[in-house]
Amino acid sequence: MKQEIEQFLGYVGTERGFSPKTVDAYRHDLGKFSEFADKELGKDWQVGDVDQYTIKAYMQFLADRGNAAVSRGRKLATLKSFFRYLTSEGRVKVAPTATIKMPKTQQKEPSYLTEQEYKRLLRTVQKNATKYFKARDTAIITMLLGMGLRLSELTELDVGNVNFEDGTIKVTRKGNQERILPANDEVMITLNRYLKSRENATAQQPLFLSKRNQRIGNGSVWHLVKKYLKQAQIEKDKLSPHTLRHTFATTLLRQGENLLTIKELLSHRNLRTTERYLHINGDDLKNAVNKISLTSK
C-alpha cells in the first residue's frame, strides 16, 4: 500500500501539478485510511482487498468519531482520486469507491461584511495599527477585500508578482495554476505605499514580511485579520480572512456583476460554488418591494 500511495502522490504532484499543500493533504488522508485498513483487513492487506464495504465501514468509523460531513467528504474524495488512479494503472479492476456517494453537507450562507462594516474595518486598521506595521496591514486587508484572495494566495506572493504598470498581480491559485488578476487603484496605492517603506526590496523577496523579516505565515495573517475585526466590533457567526473573500464576491454581486465574471475572478471551478453568493437578506427584500410602484399615475 505504501508503494501505491507514493506513486499516486508523485503522479498528482508532478503530472497533475498539484501544490505541495494538496499533496500533503492527500498523504495525510491516505495515511489515516491505511491505519483503519490495518485493523479492518489485517497488516498484510493489499489494495485489491479493499471493497465498497471497507469504504463504507471507514465512512461510518469517521462519523462515529465526530468527523463532520465536510471532513468525511474530503477524505472520500481523496480515496476516489486514489482508486481512480489505481484503475487507470491497472492495479485494481473496479474502484471500490465508485458507488459510494459523497456525504450530504448543509450549504451555509457565506459570512460577509456589509459596506459599512468593511469600511469600518479599514478605518480601524488605520487607527489601531502600529506605525511600523500600518502600511503592511493596510495593504493586506485592502488586498483581501479588493481582490478576494485566499489566505495562502496572499502569503505566497513575491514583490515581483506585482505589476504597477498595468495594475495586475500574478497569483498562484488552487491546483498550482498561475492567474494574472486585475487590481483596483486602492489596492495598488496601498501596495505602493507599503513597498516604499521597504528599503531595496527585490522582485524575489516575499511581498509581505513578518516581524522577523521572513515571509509572513498564514497563521499570522489569520490572527491579525481577527484582531482588527474584533477591534472594529464586527460580530458574525464565523469570522476569518475568508470572510473578506466572501465580502469581495458579495460586493461585486450587489454592484450588478454577473456570476460568470465573479466566478473567473475567484477562480471557482464550478459555477455552483459561486452561486452561494446569491443570498439576499431582509433589508434587500424590503428595499426591493419598496421599489415597486403601484400608483395609477
C-alpha atoms as a PDB file:
ATOM      1  CA  MET A   1       0.000   0.000   0.000  1.00  0.00           C
ATOM      2  CA  LYS A   2       2.806   2.425   0.847  1.00  0.00           C
ATOM      3  CA  GLN A   3       4.268   1.958  -2.626  1.00  0.00           C
ATOM      4  CA  GLU A   4       0.945   2.711  -4.327  1.00  0.00           C
ATOM      5  CA  ILE A   5       0.441   5.800  -2.172  1.00  0.00           C
ATOM      6  CA  GLU A   6       3.864   7.205  -3.017  1.00  0.00           C
ATOM      7  CA  GLN A   7       3.319   6.562  -6.723  1.00  0.00           C
ATOM      8  CA  PHE A   8      -0.064   8.287  -6.560  1.00  0.00           C
ATOM      9  CA  LEU A   9       1.381  11.280  -4.704  1.00  0.00           C
ATOM     10  CA  GLY A  10       4.137  11.534  -7.276  1.00  0.00           C
ATOM     11  CA  TYR A  11       1.514  11.463 -10.028  1.00  0.00           C
ATOM     12  CA  VAL A  12      -0.681  14.245  -8.586  1.00  0.00           C
ATOM     13  CA  GLY A  13       2.353  16.342  -7.657  1.00  0.00           C
ATOM     14  CA  THR A  14       4.221  16.010 -10.946  1.00  0.00           C
ATOM     15  CA  GLU A  15       1.796  15.166 -13.738  1.00  0.00           C
ATOM     16  CA  ARG A  16      -1.280  16.891 -12.310  1.00  0.00           C
ATOM     17  CA  GLY A  17       0.704  19.836 -10.960  1.00  0.00           C
ATOM     18  CA  PHE A  18      -0.990  19.888  -7.562  1.00  0.00           C
ATOM     19  CA  SER A  19       0.553  22.139  -4.916  1.00  0.00           C
ATOM     20  CA  PRO A  20       2.746  20.670  -2.140  1.00  0.00           C
ATOM     21  CA  LYS A  21      -0.005  21.516   0.382  1.00  0.00           C
ATOM     22  CA  THR A  22      -2.561  19.500  -1.584  1.00  0.00           C
ATOM     23  CA  VAL A  23      -0.145  16.584  -1.892  1.00  0.00           C
ATOM     24  CA  ASP A  24       0.463  16.688   1.866  1.00  0.00           C
ATOM     25  CA  ALA A  25      -3.306  16.672   2.484  1.00  0.00           C
ATOM     26  CA  TYR A  26      -3.648  13.599   0.241  1.00  0.00           C
ATOM     27  CA  ARG A  27      -0.775  11.928   2.100  1.00  0.00           C
ATOM     28  CA  HIS A  28      -2.461  12.581   5.451  1.00  0.00           C
ATOM     29  CA  ASP A  29      -5.859  11.274   4.316  1.00  0.00           C
ATOM     30  CA  LEU A  30      -4.430   8.111   2.762  1.00  0.00           C
ATOM     31  CA  GLY A  31      -2.314   7.505   5.850  1.00  0.00           C
ATOM     32  CA  LYS A  32      -5.411   7.621   8.050  1.00  0.00           C
ATOM     33  CA  PHE A  33      -7.225   5.195   5.766  1.00  0.00           C
ATOM     34  CA  SER A  34      -4.221   2.850   5.878  1.00  0.00           C
ATOM     35  CA  GLU A  35      -4.339   2.835   9.678  1.00  0.00           C
ATOM     36  CA  PHE A  36      -8.024   1.888   9.562  1.00  0.00           C
ATOM     37  CA  ALA A  37      -7.448  -0.810   6.934  1.00  0.00           C
ATOM     38  CA  ASP A  38      -4.647  -2.350   9.054  1.00  0.00           C
ATOM     39  CA  LYS A  39      -7.230  -3.051  11.745  1.00  0.00           C
ATOM     40  CA  GLU A  40     -10.066  -3.922   9.384  1.00  0.00           C
ATOM     41  CA  LEU A  41      -8.219  -6.141   6.894  1.00  0.00           C
ATOM     42  CA  GLY A  42      -5.039  -7.133   8.735  1.00  0.00           C
ATOM     43  CA  LYS A  43      -1.471  -5.870   8.410  1.00  0.00           C
ATOM     44  CA  ASP A  44      -0.801  -7.666   5.104  1.00  0.00           C
ATOM     45  CA  TRP A  45      -3.736  -6.259   3.151  1.00  0.00           C
ATOM     46  CA  GLN A  46      -3.365  -5.226  -0.486  1.00  0.00           C
ATOM     47  CA  VAL A  47      -5.218  -2.547  -2.474  1.00  0.00           C
ATOM     48  CA  GLY A  48      -7.193  -5.292  -4.204  1.00  0.00           C
ATOM     49  CA  ASP A  49      -8.608  -6.364  -0.829  1.00  0.00           C
ATOM     50  CA  VAL A  50     -10.494  -3.080  -0.420  1.00  0.00           C
ATOM     51  CA  ASP A  51     -14.139  -3.252  -1.481  1.00  0.00           C
ATOM     52  CA  GLN A  52     -17.124  -0.949  -1.169  1.00  0.00           C
ATOM     53  CA  TYR A  53     -17.936  -2.350   2.269  1.00  0.00           C
ATOM     54  CA  THR A  54     -14.468  -1.421   3.513  1.00  0.00           C
ATOM     55  CA  ILE A  55     -15.026   2.129   2.313  1.00  0.00           C
ATOM     56  CA  LYS A  56     -18.495   2.281   3.883  1.00  0.00           C
ATOM     57  CA  ALA A  57     -17.097   0.975   7.171  1.00  0.00           C
ATOM     58  CA  TYR A  58     -14.423   3.665   7.077  1.00  0.00           C
ATOM     59  CA  MET A  59     -17.008   6.381   6.464  1.00  0.00           C
ATOM     60  CA  GLN A  60     -19.033   5.101   9.410  1.00  0.00           C
ATOM     61  CA  PHE A  61     -15.872   4.935  11.518  1.00  0.00           C
ATOM     62  CA  LEU A  62     -15.196   8.617  10.783  1.00  0.00           C
ATOM     63  CA  ALA A  63     -18.785   9.611  11.524  1.00  0.00           C
ATOM     64  CA  ASP A  64     -18.743   7.763  14.851  1.00  0.00           C
ATOM     65  CA  ARG A  65     -15.673   9.756  15.859  1.00  0.00           C
ATOM     66  CA  GLY A  66     -17.320  13.098  15.195  1.00  0.00           C
ATOM     67  CA  ASN A  67     -15.890  13.917  11.773  1.00  0.00           C
ATOM     68  CA  ALA A  68     -18.191  16.450  10.112  1.00  0.00           C
ATOM     69  CA  ALA A  69     -19.720  15.767   6.707  1.00  0.00           C
ATOM     70  CA  VAL A  70     -17.293  18.194   5.076  1.00  0.00           C
ATOM     71  CA  SER A  71     -14.306  16.380   6.582  1.00  0.00           C
ATOM     72  CA  ARG A  72     -15.656  12.950   5.609  1.00  0.00           C
ATOM     73  CA  GLY A  73     -16.346  14.225   2.116  1.00  0.00           C
ATOM     74  CA  ARG A  74     -12.779  15.430   1.693  1.00  0.00           C
ATOM     75  CA  LYS A  75     -11.381  12.073   2.823  1.00  0.00           C
ATOM     76  CA  LEU A  76     -13.727  10.213   0.490  1.00  0.00           C
ATOM     77  CA  ALA A  77     -12.739  12.497  -2.392  1.00  0.00           C
ATOM     78  CA  THR A  78      -9.103  11.595  -1.735  1.00  0.00           C
ATOM     79  CA  LEU A  79      -9.920   7.887  -1.802  1.00  0.00           C
ATOM     80  CA  LYS A  80     -11.933   8.295  -5.009  1.00  0.00           C
ATOM     81  CA  SER A  81      -8.972  10.011  -6.694  1.00  0.00           C
ATOM     82  CA  PHE A  82      -6.582   7.357  -5.392  1.00  0.00           C
ATOM     83  CA  PHE A  83      -8.615   4.400  -6.640  1.00  0.00           C
ATOM     84  CA  ARG A  84      -9.349   6.075  -9.988  1.00  0.00           C
ATOM     85  CA  TYR A  85      -5.601   6.325 -10.419  1.00  0.00           C
ATOM     86  CA  LEU A  86      -5.157   2.649  -9.496  1.00  0.00           C
ATOM     87  CA  THR A  87      -7.806   1.560 -12.016  1.00  0.00           C
ATOM     88  CA  SER A  88      -6.205   3.653 -14.750  1.00  0.00           C
ATOM     89  CA  GLU A  89      -2.893   1.957 -13.967  1.00  0.00           C
ATOM     90  CA  GLY A  90      -4.479  -1.494 -13.985  1.00  0.00           C
ATOM     91  CA  ARG A  91      -3.742  -2.125 -10.295  1.00  0.00           C
ATOM     92  CA  VAL A  92      -7.417  -2.775  -9.494  1.00  0.00           C
ATOM     93  CA  LYS A  93     -10.221  -3.738 -11.892  1.00  0.00           C
ATOM     94  CA  VAL A  94     -13.034  -1.745 -10.297  1.00  0.00           C
ATOM     95  CA  ALA A  95     -12.698   1.228  -7.950  1.00  0.00           C
ATOM     96  CA  PRO A  96     -14.394   0.307  -4.633  1.00  0.00           C
ATOM     97  CA  THR A  97     -15.299   3.970  -4.198  1.00  0.00           C
ATOM     98  CA  ALA A  98     -17.253   4.217  -7.474  1.00  0.00           C
ATOM     99  CA  THR A  99     -20.682   3.576  -5.932  1.00  0.00           C
ATOM    100  CA  ILE A 100     -20.067   5.448  -2.671  1.00  0.00           C
ATOM    101  CA  LYS A 101     -21.955   8.757  -2.561  1.00  0.00           C
ATOM    102  CA  MET A 102     -20.463  11.863  -1.054  1.00  0.00           C
ATOM    103  CA  PRO A 103     -21.882  12.833   2.374  1.00  0.00           C
ATOM    104  CA  LYS A 104     -24.602  15.437   2.188  1.00  0.00           C
ATOM    105  CA  THR A 105     -23.482  18.770   3.590  1.00  0.00           C
ATOM    106  CA  GLN A 106     -25.692  21.647   4.620  1.00  0.00           C
ATOM    107  CA  GLN A 107     -24.869  24.584   2.397  1.00  0.00           C
ATOM    108  CA  LYS A 108     -24.339  27.515   4.730  1.00  0.00           C
ATOM    109  CA  GLU A 109     -24.683  31.079   3.615  1.00  0.00           C
ATOM    110  CA  PRO A 110     -21.227  32.657   3.399  1.00  0.00           C
ATOM    111  CA  SER A 111     -20.390  35.144   6.142  1.00  0.00           C
ATOM    112  CA  TYR A 112     -19.617  38.558   4.664  1.00  0.00           C
ATOM    113  CA  LEU A 113     -19.296  42.204   5.665  1.00  0.00           C
ATOM    114  CA  THR A 114     -21.633  44.973   4.631  1.00  0.00           C
ATOM    115  CA  GLU A 115     -20.179  48.089   3.017  1.00  0.00           C
ATOM    116  CA  GLN A 116     -20.496  49.939   6.330  1.00  0.00           C
ATOM    117  CA  GLU A 117     -18.668  47.125   8.141  1.00  0.00           C
ATOM    118  CA  TYR A 118     -15.741  46.720   5.749  1.00  0.00           C
ATOM    119  CA  LYS A 119     -15.179  50.467   5.637  1.00  0.00           C
ATOM    120  CA  ARG A 120     -15.163  50.470   9.441  1.00  0.00           C
ATOM    121  CA  LEU A 121     -12.622  47.652   9.327  1.00  0.00           C
ATOM    122  CA  LEU A 122     -10.333  49.687   7.069  1.00  0.00           C
ATOM    123  CA  ARG A 123     -10.634  52.718   9.356  1.00  0.00           C
ATOM    124  CA  THR A 124      -9.815  50.522  12.343  1.00  0.00           C
ATOM    125  CA  VAL A 125      -6.579  49.337  10.721  1.00  0.00           C
ATOM    126  CA  GLN A 126      -5.597  52.937  10.001  1.00  0.00           C
ATOM    127  CA  LYS A 127      -6.343  53.942  13.575  1.00  0.00           C
ATOM    128  CA  ASN A 128      -5.005  50.984  15.570  1.00  0.00           C
ATOM    129  CA  ALA A 129      -2.081  49.563  13.608  1.00  0.00           C
ATOM    130  CA  THR A 130       1.365  50.343  14.970  1.00  0.00           C
ATOM    131  CA  LYS A 131       3.437  52.786  12.951  1.00  0.00           C
ATOM    132  CA  TYR A 132       5.829  50.020  11.857  1.00  0.00           C
ATOM    133  CA  PHE A 133       3.093  47.713  10.527  1.00  0.00           C
ATOM    134  CA  LYS A 134       0.456  50.223   9.472  1.00  0.00           C
ATOM    135  CA  ALA A 135       1.369  50.221   5.760  1.00  0.00           C
ATOM    136  CA  ARG A 136       1.722  46.435   5.659  1.00  0.00           C
ATOM    137  CA  ASP A 137      -1.514  45.655   7.479  1.00  0.00           C
ATOM    138  CA  THR A 138      -3.467  48.189   5.427  1.00  0.00           C
ATOM    139  CA  ALA A 139      -2.183  46.581   2.235  1.00  0.00           C
ATOM    140  CA  ILE A 140      -3.077  43.088   3.475  1.00  0.00           C
ATOM    141  CA  ILE A 141      -6.653  43.969   4.459  1.00  0.00           C
ATOM    142  CA  THR A 142      -7.178  46.027   1.301  1.00  0.00           C
ATOM    143  CA  MET A 143      -5.962  43.174  -0.926  1.00  0.00           C
ATOM    144  CA  LEU A 144      -8.189  40.613   0.770  1.00  0.00           C
ATOM    145  CA  LEU A 145     -11.210  42.890   0.408  1.00  0.00           C
ATOM    146  CA  GLY A 146     -10.376  44.250  -3.035  1.00  0.00           C
ATOM    147  CA  MET A 147      -9.233  41.053  -4.770  1.00  0.00           C
ATOM    148  CA  GLY A 148     -10.895  38.188  -2.910  1.00  0.00           C
ATOM    149  CA  LEU A 149      -7.616  36.324  -2.425  1.00  0.00           C
ATOM    150  CA  ARG A 150      -7.379  33.146  -0.403  1.00  0.00           C
ATOM    151  CA  LEU A 151      -5.078  33.300   2.611  1.00  0.00           C
ATOM    152  CA  SER A 152      -2.357  31.126   1.060  1.00  0.00           C
ATOM    153  CA  GLU A 153      -2.538  33.057  -2.225  1.00  0.00           C
ATOM    154  CA  LEU A 154      -1.732  36.267  -0.376  1.00  0.00           C
ATOM    155  CA  THR A 155       1.115  34.920   1.768  1.00  0.00           C
ATOM    156  CA  GLU A 156       2.817  33.221  -1.200  1.00  0.00           C
ATOM    157  CA  LEU A 157       3.079  36.448  -3.211  1.00  0.00           C
ATOM    158  CA  ASP A 158       6.515  37.868  -4.044  1.00  0.00           C
ATOM    159  CA  VAL A 159       7.314  41.510  -4.771  1.00  0.00           C
ATOM    160  CA  GLY A 160       7.819  40.619  -8.427  1.00  0.00           C
ATOM    161  CA  ASN A 161       4.232  39.373  -8.719  1.00  0.00           C
ATOM    162  CA  VAL A 162       3.002  42.973  -8.573  1.00  0.00           C
ATOM    163  CA  ASN A 163       2.923  44.850 -11.872  1.00  0.00           C
ATOM    164  CA  PHE A 164       2.371  48.532 -11.159  1.00  0.00           C
ATOM    165  CA  GLU A 165       2.466  49.459 -14.850  1.00  0.00           C
ATOM    166  CA  ASP A 166      -0.707  47.622 -15.830  1.00  0.00           C
ATOM    167  CA  GLY A 167      -2.274  47.258 -12.366  1.00  0.00           C
ATOM    168  CA  THR A 168      -2.192  43.465 -12.191  1.00  0.00           C
ATOM    169  CA  ILE A 169      -0.952  40.853  -9.751  1.00  0.00           C
ATOM    170  CA  LYS A 170       0.167  37.316 -10.627  1.00  0.00           C
ATOM    171  CA  VAL A 171      -1.418  34.873  -8.176  1.00  0.00           C
ATOM    172  CA  THR A 172      -0.864  31.130  -7.765  1.00  0.00           C
ATOM    173  CA  ARG A 173      -4.306  29.651  -7.269  1.00  0.00           C
ATOM    174  CA  LYS A 174      -5.580  26.159  -6.407  1.00  0.00           C
ATOM    175  CA  GLY A 175      -4.024  23.383  -8.453  1.00  0.00           C
ATOM    176  CA  ASN A 176      -0.807  25.431  -8.731  1.00  0.00           C
ATOM    177  CA  GLN A 177      -2.370  27.460 -11.557  1.00  0.00           C
ATOM    178  CA  GLU A 178      -0.997  30.957 -12.149  1.00  0.00           C
ATOM    179  CA  ARG A 179      -3.510  33.707 -12.875  1.00  0.00           C
ATOM    180  CA  ILE A 180      -2.907  37.370 -13.656  1.00  0.00           C
ATOM    181  CA  LEU A 181      -5.640  39.275 -11.850  1.00  0.00           C
ATOM    182  CA  PRO A 182      -6.625  42.933 -12.135  1.00  0.00           C
ATOM    183  CA  ALA A 183      -6.273  45.077  -9.024  1.00  0.00           C
ATOM    184  CA  ASN A 184      -8.137  48.335  -8.462  1.00  0.00           C
ATOM    185  CA  ASP A 185      -6.425  51.636  -7.748  1.00  0.00           C
ATOM    186  CA  GLU A 186      -6.887  51.431  -3.972  1.00  0.00           C
ATOM    187  CA  VAL A 187      -5.091  48.080  -3.839  1.00  0.00           C
ATOM    188  CA  MET A 188      -2.185  49.335  -5.946  1.00  0.00           C
ATOM    189  CA  ILE A 189      -1.893  52.571  -3.935  1.00  0.00           C
ATOM    190  CA  THR A 190      -1.687  50.720  -0.612  1.00  0.00           C
ATOM    191  CA  LEU A 191       0.862  48.273  -2.044  1.00  0.00           C
ATOM    192  CA  ASN A 192       2.984  51.092  -3.451  1.00  0.00           C
ATOM    193  CA  ARG A 193       2.893  52.886  -0.103  1.00  0.00           C
ATOM    194  CA  TYR A 194       3.878  49.703   1.721  1.00  0.00           C
ATOM    195  CA  LEU A 195       6.754  48.841  -0.624  1.00  0.00           C
ATOM    196  CA  LYS A 196       8.152  52.367  -0.287  1.00  0.00           C
ATOM    197  CA  SER A 197       8.662  51.527   3.392  1.00  0.00           C
ATOM    198  CA  ARG A 198      10.778  48.521   2.372  1.00  0.00           C
ATOM    199  CA  GLU A 199      14.339  49.537   1.555  1.00  0.00           C
ATOM    200  CA  ASN A 200      15.822  47.863  -1.524  1.00  0.00           C
ATOM    201  CA  ALA A 201      13.040  45.280  -1.880  1.00  0.00           C
ATOM    202  CA  THR A 202      13.855  42.902  -4.760  1.00  0.00           C
ATOM    203  CA  ALA A 203      11.423  41.065  -7.038  1.00  0.00           C
ATOM    204  CA  GLN A 204      12.361  37.695  -5.499  1.00  0.00           C
ATOM    205  CA  GLN A 205      11.568  38.729  -1.915  1.00  0.00           C
ATOM    206  CA  PRO A 206       8.248  37.888  -0.216  1.00  0.00           C
ATOM    207  CA  LEU A 207       5.675  40.631  -0.674  1.00  0.00           C
ATOM    208  CA  PHE A 208       4.609  40.586   2.972  1.00  0.00           C
ATOM    209  CA  LEU A 209       7.142  40.189   5.758  1.00  0.00           C
ATOM    210  CA  SER A 210       6.759  39.140   9.393  1.00  0.00           C
ATOM    211  CA  LYS A 211       8.302  40.800  12.438  1.00  0.00           C
ATOM    212  CA  ARG A 212      11.444  38.757  11.776  1.00  0.00           C
ATOM    213  CA  ASN A 213      11.646  39.930   8.163  1.00  0.00           C
ATOM    214  CA  GLN A 214      10.645  36.472   6.890  1.00  0.00           C
ATOM    215  CA  ARG A 215       7.685  35.584   4.659  1.00  0.00           C
ATOM    216  CA  ILE A 216       4.580  36.153   6.760  1.00  0.00           C
ATOM    217  CA  GLY A 217       2.744  32.934   7.614  1.00  0.00           C
ATOM    218  CA  ASN A 218      -0.903  32.049   7.164  1.00  0.00           C
ATOM    219  CA  GLY A 219      -1.386  31.935  10.929  1.00  0.00           C
ATOM    220  CA  SER A 220      -0.019  35.442  11.411  1.00  0.00           C
ATOM    221  CA  VAL A 221      -2.346  36.911   8.786  1.00  0.00           C
ATOM    222  CA  TRP A 222      -5.283  34.960  10.238  1.00  0.00           C
ATOM    223  CA  HIS A 223      -4.640  36.408  13.685  1.00  0.00           C
ATOM    224  CA  LEU A 224      -4.152  39.995  12.510  1.00  0.00           C
ATOM    225  CA  VAL A 225      -7.394  39.883  10.494  1.00  0.00           C
ATOM    226  CA  LYS A 226      -9.273  38.503  13.501  1.00  0.00           C
ATOM    227  CA  LYS A 227      -7.695  41.167  15.719  1.00  0.00           C
ATOM    228  CA  TYR A 228      -8.820  44.050  13.513  1.00  0.00           C
ATOM    229  CA  LEU A 229     -12.308  42.582  13.061  1.00  0.00           C
ATOM    230  CA  LYS A 230     -12.647  42.393  16.833  1.00  0.00           C
ATOM    231  CA  GLN A 231     -11.342  45.939  17.300  1.00  0.00           C
ATOM    232  CA  ALA A 232     -13.851  47.127  14.675  1.00  0.00           C
ATOM    233  CA  GLN A 233     -16.595  45.468  16.784  1.00  0.00           C
ATOM    234  CA  ILE A 234     -17.785  43.368  13.872  1.00  0.00           C
ATOM    235  CA  GLU A 235     -19.652  40.292  15.044  1.00  0.00           C
ATOM    236  CA  LYS A 236     -20.672  37.400  12.799  1.00  0.00           C
ATOM    237  CA  ASP A 237     -21.200  33.673  13.273  1.00  0.00           C
ATOM    238  CA  LYS A 238     -17.818  32.954  11.736  1.00  0.00           C
ATOM    239  CA  LEU A 239     -15.077  35.475  11.052  1.00  0.00           C
ATOM    240  CA  SER A 240     -11.802  34.760   9.273  1.00  0.00           C
ATOM    241  CA  PRO A 241      -9.758  36.014   6.310  1.00  0.00           C
ATOM    242  CA  HIS A 242     -12.167  34.024   4.124  1.00  0.00           C
ATOM    243  CA  THR A 243     -14.920  36.376   5.306  1.00  0.00           C
ATOM    244  CA  LEU A 244     -13.152  39.107   3.350  1.00  0.00           C
ATOM    245  CA  ARG A 245     -13.107  36.894   0.243  1.00  0.00           C
ATOM    246  CA  HIS A 246     -16.855  36.398   0.645  1.00  0.00           C
ATOM    247  CA  THR A 247     -17.222  40.153   1.069  1.00  0.00           C
ATOM    248  CA  PHE A 248     -15.405  40.743  -2.226  1.00  0.00           C
ATOM    249  CA  ALA A 249     -17.767  38.389  -4.079  1.00  0.00           C
ATOM    250  CA  THR A 250     -20.895  39.723  -2.407  1.00  0.00           C
ATOM    251  CA  THR A 251     -19.930  43.333  -3.117  1.00  0.00           C
ATOM    252  CA  LEU A 252     -19.422  42.564  -6.802  1.00  0.00           C
ATOM    253  CA  LEU A 253     -22.786  40.832  -6.977  1.00  0.00           C
ATOM    254  CA  ARG A 254     -24.557  43.756  -5.337  1.00  0.00           C
ATOM    255  CA  GLN A 255     -22.916  46.117  -7.817  1.00  0.00           C
ATOM    256  CA  GLY A 256     -24.557  44.177 -10.635  1.00  0.00           C
ATOM    257  CA  GLU A 257     -21.683  41.974 -11.814  1.00  0.00           C
ATOM    258  CA  ASN A 258     -22.769  38.677 -13.328  1.00  0.00           C
ATOM    259  CA  LEU A 259     -21.895  35.334 -11.792  1.00  0.00           C
ATOM    260  CA  LEU A 260     -19.568  34.290 -14.614  1.00  0.00           C
ATOM    261  CA  THR A 261     -17.369  37.352 -14.050  1.00  0.00           C
ATOM    262  CA  ILE A 262     -17.265  36.691 -10.300  1.00  0.00           C
ATOM    263  CA  LYS A 263     -16.508  33.014 -10.967  1.00  0.00           C
ATOM    264  CA  GLU A 264     -13.469  33.982 -13.056  1.00  0.00           C
ATOM    265  CA  LEU A 265     -12.178  36.498 -10.507  1.00  0.00           C
ATOM    266  CA  LEU A 266     -12.455  33.917  -7.712  1.00  0.00           C
ATOM    267  CA  SER A 267     -11.161  31.080  -9.929  1.00  0.00           C
ATOM    268  CA  HIS A 268     -14.041  28.804  -8.967  1.00  0.00           C
ATOM    269  CA  ARG A 269     -14.046  25.581 -10.981  1.00  0.00           C
ATOM    270  CA  ASN A 270     -17.787  25.161 -10.699  1.00  0.00           C
ATOM    271  CA  LEU A 271     -20.446  27.840 -11.106  1.00  0.00           C
ATOM    272  CA  ARG A 272     -22.436  26.215  -8.300  1.00  0.00           C
ATOM    273  CA  THR A 273     -19.738  27.343  -5.869  1.00  0.00           C
ATOM    274  CA  THR A 274     -20.193  30.938  -6.998  1.00  0.00           C
ATOM    275  CA  GLU A 275     -23.977  30.631  -6.722  1.00  0.00           C
ATOM    276  CA  ARG A 276     -23.615  30.571  -2.939  1.00  0.00           C
ATOM    277  CA  TYR A 277     -23.419  34.353  -3.140  1.00  0.00           C
ATOM    278  CA  LEU A 278     -26.969  34.618  -4.423  1.00  0.00           C
ATOM    279  CA  HIS A 279     -28.116  35.320  -0.897  1.00  0.00           C
ATOM    280  CA  ILE A 280     -30.455  38.211  -0.116  1.00  0.00           C
ATOM    281  CA  ASN A 281     -31.020  39.453   3.415  1.00  0.00           C
ATOM    282  CA  GLY A 282     -34.135  41.015   4.870  1.00  0.00           C
ATOM    283  CA  ASP A 283     -33.114  44.587   4.087  1.00  0.00           C
ATOM    284  CA  ASP A 284     -32.594  43.709   0.429  1.00  0.00           C
ATOM    285  CA  LEU A 285     -36.047  42.144   0.261  1.00  0.00           C
ATOM    286  CA  LYS A 286     -37.647  45.178   1.883  1.00  0.00           C
ATOM    287  CA  ASN A 287     -35.866  47.594  -0.447  1.00  0.00           C
ATOM    288  CA  ALA A 288     -36.834  45.501  -3.472  1.00  0.00           C
ATOM    289  CA  VAL A 289     -40.521  45.548  -2.506  1.00  0.00           C
ATOM    290  CA  ASN A 290     -40.475  49.287  -1.791  1.00  0.00           C
ATOM    291  CA  LYS A 291     -39.230  49.976  -5.321  1.00  0.00           C
ATOM    292  CA  ILE A 292     -42.451  48.587  -6.812  1.00  0.00           C
ATOM    293  CA  SER A 293     -44.735  51.430  -7.882  1.00  0.00           C
ATOM    294  CA  LEU A 294     -48.442  50.642  -7.692  1.00  0.00           C
ATOM    295  CA  THR A 295     -49.827  54.134  -8.198  1.00  0.00           C
ATOM    296  CA  SER A 296     -52.135  54.712 -11.156  1.00  0.00           C
ATOM    297  CA  LYS A 297     -50.377  57.945 -12.150  1.00  0.00           C
END
